[in-house]
Each structure stands twice: as C-alpha cells, then as structure tokens.
Amino acid sequence: MEISGVISALVIGIIIGVLGRLVVPGRQHIGILWTIVVGIAAALLGSAIAAGFGVANTKGPDWIEWFIQIALAAVGVAALDRARFRR
C-alpha cells in the first residue's frame, strides 16, 4: 500500500468515525483517537461488505457503501462507549 492510500484511509476513517459518532444519540465517553480507530475499522469492514454485495463500485457516489460504513461506525462507537462506561 502506498503512502497516499494510507493517508486517504486515515482521512476517510476520521470522517466515518465522526459521522458514526454523530448518529449515536447522547454524549459518548470515548476520546477522538478511539473515534478514529473505530472509523477506520468501520470504513475497511464496510468496504468489504459493500464489495461482497456488489455495491462498492457504482456510477456516481457510493451511497450504499457510505451508509454501511457509517452504520458500522455508529455501532462501534456505541459498543465502545458502553464497554468503557461500565467500568
């Protein structure tokens, strides 16, 4: 993987993580670094799921892929928040 691919994965992960965090209602008790980590994981997993369903490469914006990624990020943020809140 080239450096441009790593940088774009980080930027997309940040965006997906922040959007996923905005979807979850209430205040989350996780830091920005955890939000970025969850966003990167959700972006990678969401891309794989979208490719599996055959909706990763469409004409125009890949809305379905973005929806999958944001939903996964929201689930990840909520799960991490609940796990950290129980402590």
PDB file of N, CA and C in Angstrom:
ATOM      1  N   MET A   1       0.853  -1.169   0.000  1.00  0.00           N
ATOM      2  CA  MET A   1       0.000   0.000   0.000  1.00  0.00           C
ATOM      3  C   MET A   1       0.903   1.239   0.000  1.00  0.00           C
ATOM      4  N   GLU A   2       0.568   2.175  -0.852  1.00  0.00           N
ATOM      5  CA  GLU A   2       1.334   3.407  -0.946  1.00  0.00           C
ATOM      6  C   GLU A   2       0.945   4.370   0.162  1.00  0.00           C
ATOM      7  N   ILE A   3       1.767   5.391   0.356  1.00  0.00           N
ATOM      8  CA  ILE A   3       1.509   6.374   1.406  1.00  0.00           C
ATOM      9  C   ILE A   3       0.212   7.133   1.140  1.00  0.00           C
ATOM     10  N   SER A   4      -0.120   7.375  -0.114  1.00  0.00           N
ATOM     11  CA  SER A   4      -1.373   8.069  -0.417  1.00  0.00           C
ATOM     12  C   SER A   4      -2.574   7.218  -0.025  1.00  0.00           C
ATOM     13  N   GLY A   5      -2.460   5.899  -0.150  1.00  0.00           N
ATOM     14  CA  GLY A   5      -3.534   5.013   0.281  1.00  0.00           C
ATOM     15  C   GLY A   5      -3.714   5.010   1.787  1.00  0.00           C
ATOM     16  N   VAL A   6      -2.607   5.074   2.511  1.00  0.00           N
ATOM     17  CA  VAL A   6      -2.673   5.122   3.971  1.00  0.00           C
ATOM     18  C   VAL A   6      -3.277   6.433   4.431  1.00  0.00           C
ATOM     19  N   ILE A   7      -2.850   7.525   3.826  1.00  0.00           N
ATOM     20  CA  ILE A   7      -3.377   8.844   4.195  1.00  0.00           C
ATOM     21  C   ILE A   7      -4.856   8.934   3.878  1.00  0.00           C
ATOM     22  N   SER A   8      -5.269   8.452   2.727  1.00  0.00           N
ATOM     23  CA  SER A   8      -6.691   8.511   2.384  1.00  0.00           C
ATOM     24  C   SER A   8      -7.517   7.611   3.308  1.00  0.00           C
ATOM     25  N   ALA A   9      -6.966   6.464   3.722  1.00  0.00           N
ATOM     26  CA  ALA A   9      -7.678   5.598   4.675  1.00  0.00           C
ATOM     27  C   ALA A   9      -7.844   6.303   6.011  1.00  0.00           C
ATOM     28  N   LEU A  10      -6.827   7.032   6.450  1.00  0.00           N
ATOM     29  CA  LEU A  10      -6.932   7.784   7.703  1.00  0.00           C
ATOM     30  C   LEU A  10      -7.975   8.885   7.610  1.00  0.00           C
ATOM     31  N   VAL A  11      -7.969   9.624   6.517  1.00  0.00           N
ATOM     32  CA  VAL A  11      -8.930  10.720   6.352  1.00  0.00           C
ATOM     33  C   VAL A  11     -10.351  10.174   6.279  1.00  0.00           C
ATOM     34  N   ILE A  12     -10.554   9.133   5.508  1.00  0.00           N
ATOM     35  CA  ILE A  12     -11.880   8.533   5.398  1.00  0.00           C
ATOM     36  C   ILE A  12     -12.306   7.946   6.738  1.00  0.00           C
ATOM     37  N   GLY A  13     -11.362   7.338   7.470  1.00  0.00           N
ATOM     38  CA  GLY A  13     -11.664   6.802   8.787  1.00  0.00           C
ATOM     39  C   GLY A  13     -12.088   7.879   9.762  1.00  0.00           C
ATOM     40  N   ILE A  14     -11.430   9.027   9.706  1.00  0.00           N
ATOM     41  CA  ILE A  14     -11.812  10.149  10.566  1.00  0.00           C
ATOM     42  C   ILE A  14     -13.223  10.612  10.238  1.00  0.00           C
ATOM     43  N   ILE A  15     -13.510  10.766   8.975  1.00  0.00           N
ATOM     44  CA  ILE A  15     -14.838  11.230   8.551  1.00  0.00           C
ATOM     45  C   ILE A  15     -15.913  10.224   8.955  1.00  0.00           C
ATOM     46  N   ILE A  16     -15.669   8.954   8.683  1.00  0.00           N
ATOM     47  CA  ILE A  16     -16.642   7.909   9.018  1.00  0.00           C
ATOM     48  C   ILE A  16     -16.831   7.830  10.529  1.00  0.00           C
ATOM     49  N   GLY A  17     -15.755   7.919  11.293  1.00  0.00           N
ATOM     50  CA  GLY A  17     -15.856   7.874  12.744  1.00  0.00           C
ATOM     51  C   GLY A  17     -16.660   9.025  13.311  1.00  0.00           C
ATOM     52  N   VAL A  18     -16.405  10.226  12.806  1.00  0.00           N
ATOM     53  CA  VAL A  18     -17.148  11.401  13.287  1.00  0.00           C
ATOM     54  C   VAL A  18     -18.621  11.300  12.907  1.00  0.00           C
ATOM     55  N   LEU A  19     -18.905  10.877  11.686  1.00  0.00           N
ATOM     56  CA  LEU A  19     -20.302  10.723  11.282  1.00  0.00           C
ATOM     57  C   LEU A  19     -20.993   9.634  12.098  1.00  0.00           C
ATOM     58  N   GLY A  20     -20.300   8.550  12.367  1.00  0.00           N
ATOM     59  CA  GLY A  20     -20.869   7.491  13.198  1.00  0.00           C
ATOM     60  C   GLY A  20     -21.133   7.974  14.609  1.00  0.00           C
ATOM     61  N   ARG A  21     -20.236   8.810  15.118  1.00  0.00           N
ATOM     62  CA  ARG A  21     -20.425   9.359  16.461  1.00  0.00           C
ATOM     63  C   ARG A  21     -21.604  10.322  16.500  1.00  0.00           C
ATOM     64  N   LEU A  22     -21.819  11.068  15.433  1.00  0.00           N
ATOM     65  CA  LEU A  22     -22.955  11.996  15.369  1.00  0.00           C
ATOM     66  C   LEU A  22     -24.293  11.265  15.314  1.00  0.00           C
ATOM     67  N   VAL A  23     -24.289  10.062  14.753  1.00  0.00           N
ATOM     68  CA  VAL A  23     -25.529   9.291  14.632  1.00  0.00           C
ATOM     69  C   VAL A  23     -25.985   8.761  15.992  1.00  0.00           C
ATOM     70  N   VAL A  24     -25.029   8.428  16.854  1.00  0.00           N
ATOM     71  CA  VAL A  24     -25.363   7.869  18.165  1.00  0.00           C
ATOM     72  C   VAL A  24     -25.888   8.990  19.060  1.00  0.00           C
ATOM     73  N   PRO A  25     -27.089   8.819  19.629  1.00  0.00           N
ATOM     74  CA  PRO A  25     -27.636   9.883  20.472  1.00  0.00           C
ATOM     75  C   PRO A  25     -26.912   9.966  21.820  1.00  0.00           C
ATOM     76  N   GLY A  26     -26.914  11.155  22.385  1.00  0.00           N
ATOM     77  CA  GLY A  26     -26.309  11.364  23.699  1.00  0.00           C
ATOM     78  C   GLY A  26     -24.819  11.629  23.611  1.00  0.00           C
ATOM     79  N   ARG A  27     -24.216  11.733  24.792  1.00  0.00           N
ATOM     80  CA  ARG A  27     -22.792  12.012  24.872  1.00  0.00           C
ATOM     81  C   ARG A  27     -22.037  10.698  24.984  1.00  0.00           C
ATOM     82  N   GLN A  28     -20.973  10.560  24.214  1.00  0.00           N
ATOM     83  CA  GLN A  28     -20.143   9.369  24.276  1.00  0.00           C
ATOM     84  C   GLN A  28     -18.914   9.667  25.131  1.00  0.00           C
ATOM     85  N   HIS A  29     -18.496   8.694  25.900  1.00  0.00           N
ATOM     86  CA  HIS A  29     -17.363   8.850  26.800  1.00  0.00           C
ATOM     87  C   HIS A  29     -16.112   8.198  26.229  1.00  0.00           C
ATOM     88  N   ILE A  30     -15.854   8.431  24.957  1.00  0.00           N
ATOM     89  CA  ILE A  30     -14.638   7.922  24.331  1.00  0.00           C
ATOM     90  C   ILE A  30     -13.918   9.103  23.704  1.00  0.00           C
ATOM     91  N   GLY A  31     -12.630   8.968  23.558  1.00  0.00           N
ATOM     92  CA  GLY A  31     -11.823  10.042  23.001  1.00  0.00           C
ATOM     93  C   GLY A  31     -11.825  10.059  21.485  1.00  0.00           C
ATOM     94  N   ILE A  32     -11.187  11.079  20.953  1.00  0.00           N
ATOM     95  CA  ILE A  32     -11.131  11.237  19.493  1.00  0.00           C
ATOM     96  C   ILE A  32     -10.281  10.143  18.849  1.00  0.00           C
ATOM     97  N   LEU A  33      -9.252   9.672  19.545  1.00  0.00           N
ATOM     98  CA  LEU A  33      -8.430   8.603  18.966  1.00  0.00           C
ATOM     99  C   LEU A  33      -9.222   7.316  18.805  1.00  0.00           C
ATOM    100  N   TRP A  34     -10.064   6.986  19.802  1.00  0.00           N
ATOM    101  CA  TRP A  34     -10.912   5.801  19.674  1.00  0.00           C
ATOM    102  C   TRP A  34     -11.939   5.991  18.563  1.00  0.00           C
ATOM    103  N   THR A  35     -12.432   7.216  18.412  1.00  0.00           N
ATOM    104  CA  THR A  35     -13.377   7.501  17.332  1.00  0.00           C
ATOM    105  C   THR A  35     -12.718   7.261  15.975  1.00  0.00           C
ATOM    106  N   ILE A  36     -11.462   7.690  15.834  1.00  0.00           N
ATOM    107  CA  ILE A  36     -10.734   7.487  14.581  1.00  0.00           C
ATOM    108  C   ILE A  36     -10.481   6.000  14.336  1.00  0.00           C
ATOM    109  N   VAL A  37     -10.087   5.283  15.375  1.00  0.00           N
ATOM    110  CA  VAL A  37      -9.833   3.838  15.233  1.00  0.00           C
ATOM    111  C   VAL A  37     -11.108   3.106  14.814  1.00  0.00           C
ATOM    112  N   VAL A  38     -12.214   3.432  15.469  1.00  0.00           N
ATOM    113  CA  VAL A  38     -13.496   2.817  15.102  1.00  0.00           C
ATOM    114  C   VAL A  38     -13.873   3.197  13.671  1.00  0.00           C
ATOM    115  N   GLY A  39     -13.634   4.449  13.284  1.00  0.00           N
ATOM    116  CA  GLY A  39     -13.949   4.900  11.930  1.00  0.00           C
ATOM    117  C   GLY A  39     -13.138   4.180  10.877  1.00  0.00           C
ATOM    118  N   ILE A  40     -11.857   3.991  11.127  1.00  0.00           N
ATOM    119  CA  ILE A  40     -11.010   3.273  10.163  1.00  0.00           C
ATOM    120  C   ILE A  40     -11.462   1.830  10.042  1.00  0.00           C
ATOM    121  N   ALA A  41     -11.721   1.183  11.172  1.00  0.00           N
ATOM    122  CA  ALA A  41     -12.185  -0.207  11.131  1.00  0.00           C
ATOM    123  C   ALA A  41     -13.529  -0.317  10.409  1.00  0.00           C
ATOM    124  N   ALA A  42     -14.429   0.630  10.678  1.00  0.00           N
ATOM    125  CA  ALA A  42     -15.742   0.611  10.024  1.00  0.00           C
ATOM    126  C   ALA A  42     -15.613   0.870   8.525  1.00  0.00           C
ATOM    127  N   ALA A  43     -14.699   1.756   8.143  1.00  0.00           N
ATOM    128  CA  ALA A  43     -14.509   2.043   6.721  1.00  0.00           C
ATOM    129  C   ALA A  43     -13.978   0.809   5.987  1.00  0.00           C
ATOM    130  N   LEU A  44     -13.015   0.121   6.582  1.00  0.00           N
ATOM    131  CA  LEU A  44     -12.459  -1.077   5.941  1.00  0.00           C
ATOM    132  C   LEU A  44     -13.482  -2.206   5.890  1.00  0.00           C
ATOM    133  N   LEU A  45     -14.145  -2.453   7.004  1.00  0.00           N
ATOM    134  CA  LEU A  45     -15.141  -3.525   7.053  1.00  0.00           C
ATOM    135  C   LEU A  45     -16.342  -3.199   6.164  1.00  0.00           C
ATOM    136  N   GLY A  46     -16.768  -1.941   6.161  1.00  0.00           N
ATOM    137  CA  GLY A  46     -17.886  -1.530   5.321  1.00  0.00           C
ATOM    138  C   GLY A  46     -17.578  -1.660   3.839  1.00  0.00           C
ATOM    139  N   SER A  47     -16.341  -1.354   3.456  1.00  0.00           N
ATOM    140  CA  SER A  47     -15.938  -1.520   2.057  1.00  0.00           C
ATOM    141  C   SER A  47     -15.958  -2.988   1.659  1.00  0.00           C
ATOM    142  N   ALA A  48     -15.506  -3.854   2.566  1.00  0.00           N
ATOM    143  CA  ALA A  48     -15.511  -5.284   2.275  1.00  0.00           C
ATOM    144  C   ALA A  48     -16.945  -5.817   2.149  1.00  0.00           C
ATOM    145  N   ILE A  49     -17.818  -5.378   3.028  1.00  0.00           N
ATOM    146  CA  ILE A  49     -19.218  -5.812   2.962  1.00  0.00           C
ATOM    147  C   ILE A  49     -19.876  -5.302   1.687  1.00  0.00           C
ATOM    148  N   ALA A  50     -19.623  -4.041   1.347  1.00  0.00           N
ATOM    149  CA  ALA A  50     -20.201  -3.480   0.116  1.00  0.00           C
ATOM    150  C   ALA A  50     -19.683  -4.213  -1.111  1.00  0.00           C
ATOM    151  N   ALA A  51     -18.403  -4.574  -1.102  1.00  0.00           N
ATOM    152  CA  ALA A  51     -17.851  -5.331  -2.233  1.00  0.00           C
ATOM    153  C   ALA A  51     -18.483  -6.713  -2.306  1.00  0.00           C
ATOM    154  N   GLY A  52     -18.758  -7.303  -1.150  1.00  0.00           N
ATOM    155  CA  GLY A  52     -19.399  -8.615  -1.121  1.00  0.00           C
ATOM    156  C   GLY A  52     -20.803  -8.592  -1.703  1.00  0.00           C
ATOM    157  N   PHE A  53     -21.520  -7.488  -1.483  1.00  0.00           N
ATOM    158  CA  PHE A  53     -22.860  -7.333  -2.046  1.00  0.00           C
ATOM    159  C   PHE A  53     -22.842  -6.776  -3.461  1.00  0.00           C
ATOM    160  N   GLY A  54     -21.675  -6.367  -3.937  1.00  0.00           N
ATOM    161  CA  GLY A  54     -21.551  -5.847  -5.292  1.00  0.00           C
ATOM    162  C   GLY A  54     -21.998  -4.403  -5.450  1.00  0.00           C
ATOM    163  N   VAL A  55     -21.990  -3.626  -4.354  1.00  0.00           N
ATOM    164  CA  VAL A  55     -22.420  -2.226  -4.438  1.00  0.00           C
ATOM    165  C   VAL A  55     -21.274  -1.264  -4.145  1.00  0.00           C
ATOM    166  N   ALA A  56     -20.035  -1.762  -4.162  1.00  0.00           N
ATOM    167  CA  ALA A  56     -18.888  -0.911  -3.826  1.00  0.00           C
ATOM    168  C   ALA A  56     -18.547   0.056  -4.944  1.00  0.00           C
ATOM    169  N   ASN A  57     -18.703  -0.358  -6.181  1.00  0.00           N
ATOM    170  CA  ASN A  57     -18.346   0.492  -7.324  1.00  0.00           C
ATOM    171  C   ASN A  57     -19.581   0.728  -8.183  1.00  0.00           C
ATOM    172  N   THR A  58     -20.157   1.888  -8.027  1.00  0.00           N
ATOM    173  CA  THR A  58     -21.333   2.247  -8.805  1.00  0.00           C
ATOM    174  C   THR A  58     -21.049   3.544  -9.556  1.00  0.00           C
ATOM    175  N   LYS A  59     -21.922   3.901 -10.448  1.00  0.00           N
ATOM    176  CA  LYS A  59     -21.798   5.178 -11.134  1.00  0.00           C
ATOM    177  C   LYS A  59     -22.180   6.276 -10.153  1.00  0.00           C
ATOM    178  N   GLY A  60     -21.340   7.267 -10.001  1.00  0.00           N
ATOM    179  CA  GLY A  60     -21.617   8.352  -9.063  1.00  0.00           C
ATOM    180  C   GLY A  60     -21.177   7.992  -7.660  1.00  0.00           C
ATOM    181  N   PRO A  61     -21.700   8.690  -6.668  1.00  0.00           N
ATOM    182  CA  PRO A  61     -21.309   8.416  -5.274  1.00  0.00           C
ATOM    183  C   PRO A  61     -21.793   7.044  -4.814  1.00  0.00           C
ATOM    184  N   ASP A  62     -20.998   6.416  -3.998  1.00  0.00           N
ATOM    185  CA  ASP A  62     -21.344   5.097  -3.473  1.00  0.00           C
ATOM    186  C   ASP A  62     -22.116   5.263  -2.163  1.00  0.00           C
ATOM    187  N   TRP A  63     -23.379   5.662  -2.283  1.00  0.00           N
ATOM    188  CA  TRP A  63     -24.189   5.968  -1.111  1.00  0.00           C
ATOM    189  C   TRP A  63     -24.419   4.762  -0.225  1.00  0.00           C
ATOM    190  N   ILE A  64     -24.629   3.613  -0.825  1.00  0.00           N
ATOM    191  CA  ILE A  64     -24.890   2.408  -0.048  1.00  0.00           C
ATOM    192  C   ILE A  64     -23.652   2.028   0.758  1.00  0.00           C
ATOM    193  N   GLU A  65     -22.472   2.129   0.155  1.00  0.00           N
ATOM    194  CA  GLU A  65     -21.227   1.837   0.867  1.00  0.00           C
ATOM    195  C   GLU A  65     -21.023   2.804   2.029  1.00  0.00           C
ATOM    196  N   TRP A  66     -21.283   4.083   1.806  1.00  0.00           N
ATOM    197  CA  TRP A  66     -21.156   5.074   2.883  1.00  0.00           C
ATOM    198  C   TRP A  66     -22.143   4.772   4.009  1.00  0.00           C
ATOM    199  N   PHE A  67     -23.368   4.411   3.658  1.00  0.00           N
ATOM    200  CA  PHE A  67     -24.366   4.087   4.674  1.00  0.00           C
ATOM    201  C   PHE A  67     -23.914   2.902   5.524  1.00  0.00           C
ATOM    202  N   ILE A  68     -23.389   1.878   4.895  1.00  0.00           N
ATOM    203  CA  ILE A  68     -22.902   0.698   5.618  1.00  0.00           C
ATOM    204  C   ILE A  68     -21.756   1.098   6.550  1.00  0.00           C
ATOM    205  N   GLN A  69     -20.823   1.899   6.044  1.00  0.00           N
ATOM    206  CA  GLN A  69     -19.680   2.312   6.855  1.00  0.00           C
ATOM    207  C   GLN A  69     -20.110   3.153   8.054  1.00  0.00           C
ATOM    208  N   ILE A  70     -21.012   4.087   7.838  1.00  0.00           N
ATOM    209  CA  ILE A  70     -21.471   4.949   8.934  1.00  0.00           C
ATOM    210  C   ILE A  70     -22.258   4.140   9.957  1.00  0.00           C
ATOM    211  N   ALA A  71     -23.083   3.207   9.494  1.00  0.00           N
ATOM    212  CA  ALA A  71     -23.836   2.358  10.429  1.00  0.00           C
ATOM    213  C   ALA A  71     -22.886   1.506  11.262  1.00  0.00           C
ATOM    214  N   LEU A  72     -21.860   0.956  10.652  1.00  0.00           N
ATOM    215  CA  LEU A  72     -20.880   0.167  11.402  1.00  0.00           C
ATOM    216  C   LEU A  72     -20.122   1.043  12.397  1.00  0.00           C
ATOM    217  N   ALA A  73     -19.790   2.267  12.007  1.00  0.00           N
ATOM    218  CA  ALA A  73     -19.097   3.182  12.918  1.00  0.00           C
ATOM    219  C   ALA A  73     -19.992   3.539  14.098  1.00  0.00           C
ATOM    220  N   ALA A  74     -21.275   3.757  13.843  1.00  0.00           N
ATOM    221  CA  ALA A  74     -22.211   4.075  14.928  1.00  0.00           C
ATOM    222  C   ALA A  74     -22.322   2.907  15.901  1.00  0.00           C
ATOM    223  N   VAL A  75     -22.402   1.700  15.386  1.00  0.00           N
ATOM    224  CA  VAL A  75     -22.467   0.516  16.242  1.00  0.00           C
ATOM    225  C   VAL A  75     -21.169   0.378  17.038  1.00  0.00           C
ATOM    226  N   GLY A  76     -20.036   0.615  16.388  1.00  0.00           N
ATOM    227  CA  GLY A  76     -18.752   0.521  17.070  1.00  0.00           C
ATOM    228  C   GLY A  76     -18.584   1.563  18.159  1.00  0.00           C
ATOM    229  N   VAL A  77     -18.984   2.797  17.879  1.00  0.00           N
ATOM    230  CA  VAL A  77     -18.889   3.867  18.878  1.00  0.00           C
ATOM    231  C   VAL A  77     -19.795   3.557  20.063  1.00  0.00           C
ATOM    232  N   ALA A  78     -21.019   3.126  19.799  1.00  0.00           N
ATOM    233  CA  ALA A  78     -21.952   2.805  20.881  1.00  0.00           C
ATOM    234  C   ALA A  78     -21.443   1.632  21.717  1.00  0.00           C
ATOM    235  N   ALA A  79     -20.901   0.607  21.075  1.00  0.00           N
ATOM    236  CA  ALA A  79     -20.394  -0.560  21.807  1.00  0.00           C
ATOM    237  C   ALA A  79     -19.184  -0.182  22.654  1.00  0.00           C
ATOM    238  N   LEU A  80     -18.288   0.602  22.103  1.00  0.00           N
ATOM    239  CA  LEU A  80     -17.109   1.015  22.858  1.00  0.00           C
ATOM    240  C   LEU A  80     -17.495   1.929  24.013  1.00  0.00           C
ATOM    241  N   ASP A  81     -18.457   2.805  23.794  1.00  0.00           N
ATOM    242  CA  ASP A  81     -18.913   3.691  24.855  1.00  0.00           C
ATOM    243  C   ASP A  81     -19.530   2.890  25.991  1.00  0.00           C
ATOM    244  N   ARG A  82     -20.340   1.889  25.656  1.00  0.00           N
ATOM    245  CA  ARG A  82     -20.981   1.075  26.691  1.00  0.00           C
ATOM    246  C   ARG A  82     -19.932   0.247  27.444  1.00  0.00           C
ATOM    247  N   ALA A  83     -18.942  -0.240  26.740  1.00  0.00           N
ATOM    248  CA  ALA A  83     -17.897  -1.034  27.381  1.00  0.00           C
ATOM    249  C   ALA A  83     -17.056  -0.163  28.323  1.00  0.00           C
ATOM    250  N   ARG A  84     -16.765   1.058  27.934  1.00  0.00           N
ATOM    251  CA  ARG A  84     -15.971   1.947  28.781  1.00  0.00           C
ATOM    252  C   ARG A  84     -16.805   2.537  29.905  1.00  0.00           C
ATOM    253  N   PHE A  85     -18.098   2.707  29.694  1.00  0.00           N
ATOM    254  CA  PHE A  85     -18.979   3.298  30.703  1.00  0.00           C
ATOM    255  C   PHE A  85     -19.204   2.318  31.861  1.00  0.00           C
ATOM    256  N   ARG A  86     -19.168   1.029  31.591  1.00  0.00           N
ATOM    257  CA  ARG A  86     -19.402   0.018  32.633  1.00  0.00           C
ATOM    258  C   ARG A  86     -18.292   0.005  33.668  1.00  0.00           C
ATOM    259  N   ARG A  87     -17.107   0.450  33.303  1.00  0.00           N
ATOM    260  CA  ARG A  87     -16.001   0.480  34.254  1.00  0.00           C
ATOM    261  C   ARG A  87     -16.313   1.479  35.271  1.00  0.00           C
TER     262      ARG A  87
END
